[in-house]
Amino acid sequence: MFLPLAGLLVGVLLGLALGVKVDVEVARYSAVAILAALDSVLGAVRAELDGGYDNRVFISGFVTNTVVAVLLVFIGDRLGLDLYLVALITFGLRIFQNVAIIRRHFI
């Protein structure tokens, strides 16, 4: 259960320690990819707490969500639309829902 969270924490700490700079041109892509990853990790924690965690589902969801979200941003850039907002809103809602369910599990 804690392996996805540990990986997320290690990644954040490495990014902070190495002083990673994100170019303005790819900031939207990075933001959407990070939210997709966070959504997958929190979904994995929720599934583990519910007793239904499956590593295949986690990995496939992680990759699929990230690829679809980045493609949505790419298509939006080509069309001159802010389609990245769709991914941000969707992942934001799912992240808050998963956090609320995880919180209720521990309360």
Protein backbone atom coordinates (compact mmCIF):
# COMPACT_ATOMS: atom_id res chain seq x y z
CA MET A 1 0.00 0.00 0.00
CA PHE A 2 2.74 2.41 0.88
CA LEU A 3 5.00 1.61 -2.08
CA PRO A 4 3.24 4.03 -4.50
CA LEU A 5 3.29 6.77 -1.85
CA ALA A 6 6.95 6.10 -1.11
CA GLY A 7 7.77 6.34 -4.83
CA LEU A 8 5.86 9.62 -5.07
CA LEU A 9 7.68 11.01 -2.04
CA VAL A 10 11.09 9.96 -3.38
CA GLY A 11 10.30 11.58 -6.74
CA VAL A 12 9.22 14.85 -5.14
CA LEU A 13 12.28 14.95 -2.88
CA LEU A 14 14.62 14.22 -5.79
CA GLY A 15 12.98 16.95 -7.86
CA LEU A 16 13.39 19.45 -5.02
CA ALA A 17 16.96 18.39 -4.22
CA LEU A 18 18.10 18.50 -7.85
CA GLY A 19 16.41 21.84 -8.51
CA VAL A 20 14.55 20.66 -11.60
CA LYS A 21 13.38 23.55 -13.77
CA VAL A 22 10.38 23.09 -16.05
CA ASP A 23 10.40 25.10 -19.26
CA VAL A 24 7.35 27.30 -19.82
CA GLU A 25 6.60 25.53 -23.10
CA VAL A 26 6.11 22.16 -21.39
CA ALA A 27 4.67 23.36 -18.08
CA ARG A 28 1.11 22.38 -19.01
CA TYR A 29 2.24 18.93 -20.11
CA SER A 30 4.19 18.47 -16.88
CA ALA A 31 1.31 19.68 -14.70
CA VAL A 32 -1.18 17.32 -16.33
CA ALA A 33 1.25 14.37 -16.19
CA ILE A 34 1.94 15.02 -12.49
CA LEU A 35 -1.78 15.18 -11.71
CA ALA A 36 -2.38 11.96 -13.65
CA ALA A 37 0.37 10.26 -11.66
CA LEU A 38 -0.95 11.59 -8.35
CA ASP A 39 -4.45 10.43 -9.25
CA SER A 40 -3.15 6.94 -10.01
CA VAL A 41 -1.15 6.74 -6.78
CA LEU A 42 -4.07 7.87 -4.63
CA GLY A 43 -6.36 5.49 -6.51
CA ALA A 44 -3.93 2.66 -5.71
CA VAL A 45 -3.90 3.59 -2.03
CA ARG A 46 -7.70 3.70 -2.01
CA ALA A 47 -7.91 0.33 -3.75
CA GLU A 48 -5.48 -1.19 -1.24
CA LEU A 49 -7.54 0.10 1.66
CA ASP A 50 -10.68 -1.33 0.04
CA GLY A 51 -8.92 -4.66 -0.47
CA GLY A 52 -9.02 -4.57 -4.25
CA TYR A 53 -5.52 -3.47 -5.30
CA ASP A 54 -4.16 -5.03 -8.48
CA ASN A 55 -0.71 -4.11 -9.74
CA ARG A 56 -1.76 -4.53 -13.40
CA VAL A 57 -4.65 -2.13 -12.94
CA PHE A 58 -2.35 0.40 -11.24
CA ILE A 59 0.35 0.30 -13.93
CA SER A 60 -2.10 0.33 -16.84
CA GLY A 61 -4.11 3.16 -15.27
CA PHE A 62 -0.95 5.14 -14.56
CA VAL A 63 0.31 4.86 -18.13
CA THR A 64 -3.08 5.25 -19.82
CA ASN A 65 -4.15 8.27 -17.77
CA THR A 66 -0.85 10.01 -18.35
CA VAL A 67 -0.79 9.34 -22.10
CA VAL A 68 -4.42 10.38 -22.63
CA ALA A 69 -3.97 13.55 -20.56
CA VAL A 70 -0.82 14.57 -22.44
CA LEU A 71 -2.50 13.84 -25.78
CA LEU A 72 -5.43 16.01 -24.72
CA VAL A 73 -3.04 18.87 -23.98
CA PHE A 74 -1.25 18.32 -27.29
CA ILE A 75 -4.50 18.36 -29.28
CA GLY A 76 -5.61 21.46 -27.40
CA ASP A 77 -2.35 23.21 -28.25
CA ARG A 78 -2.75 22.36 -31.93
CA LEU A 79 -6.35 23.60 -31.97
CA GLY A 80 -5.60 26.70 -29.92
CA LEU A 81 -7.90 25.56 -27.11
CA ASP A 82 -7.19 25.17 -23.41
CA LEU A 83 -8.12 21.49 -23.30
CA TYR A 84 -5.60 20.94 -20.50
CA LEU A 85 -8.23 22.43 -18.20
CA VAL A 86 -10.43 19.40 -18.81
CA ALA A 87 -7.70 17.10 -17.52
CA LEU A 88 -6.89 19.39 -14.59
CA ILE A 89 -10.51 19.55 -13.48
CA THR A 90 -11.08 15.81 -13.93
CA PHE A 91 -7.93 14.76 -12.10
CA GLY A 92 -8.47 17.41 -9.44
CA LEU A 93 -11.94 16.10 -8.66
CA ARG A 94 -10.76 12.49 -8.57
CA ILE A 95 -7.82 13.38 -6.31
CA PHE A 96 -10.10 15.11 -3.83
CA GLN A 97 -12.57 12.19 -3.91
CA ASN A 98 -9.80 9.66 -3.29
CA VAL A 99 -8.31 11.73 -0.47
CA ALA A 100 -11.75 12.03 1.15
CA ILE A 101 -12.30 8.26 0.95
CA ILE A 102 -8.81 7.56 2.32
CA ARG A 103 -9.40 10.06 5.15
CA ARG A 104 -12.74 8.45 6.02
CA HIS A 105 -11.07 5.06 6.12
CA PHE A 106 -8.69 6.21 8.83
CA ILE A 107 -11.34 8.12 10.82
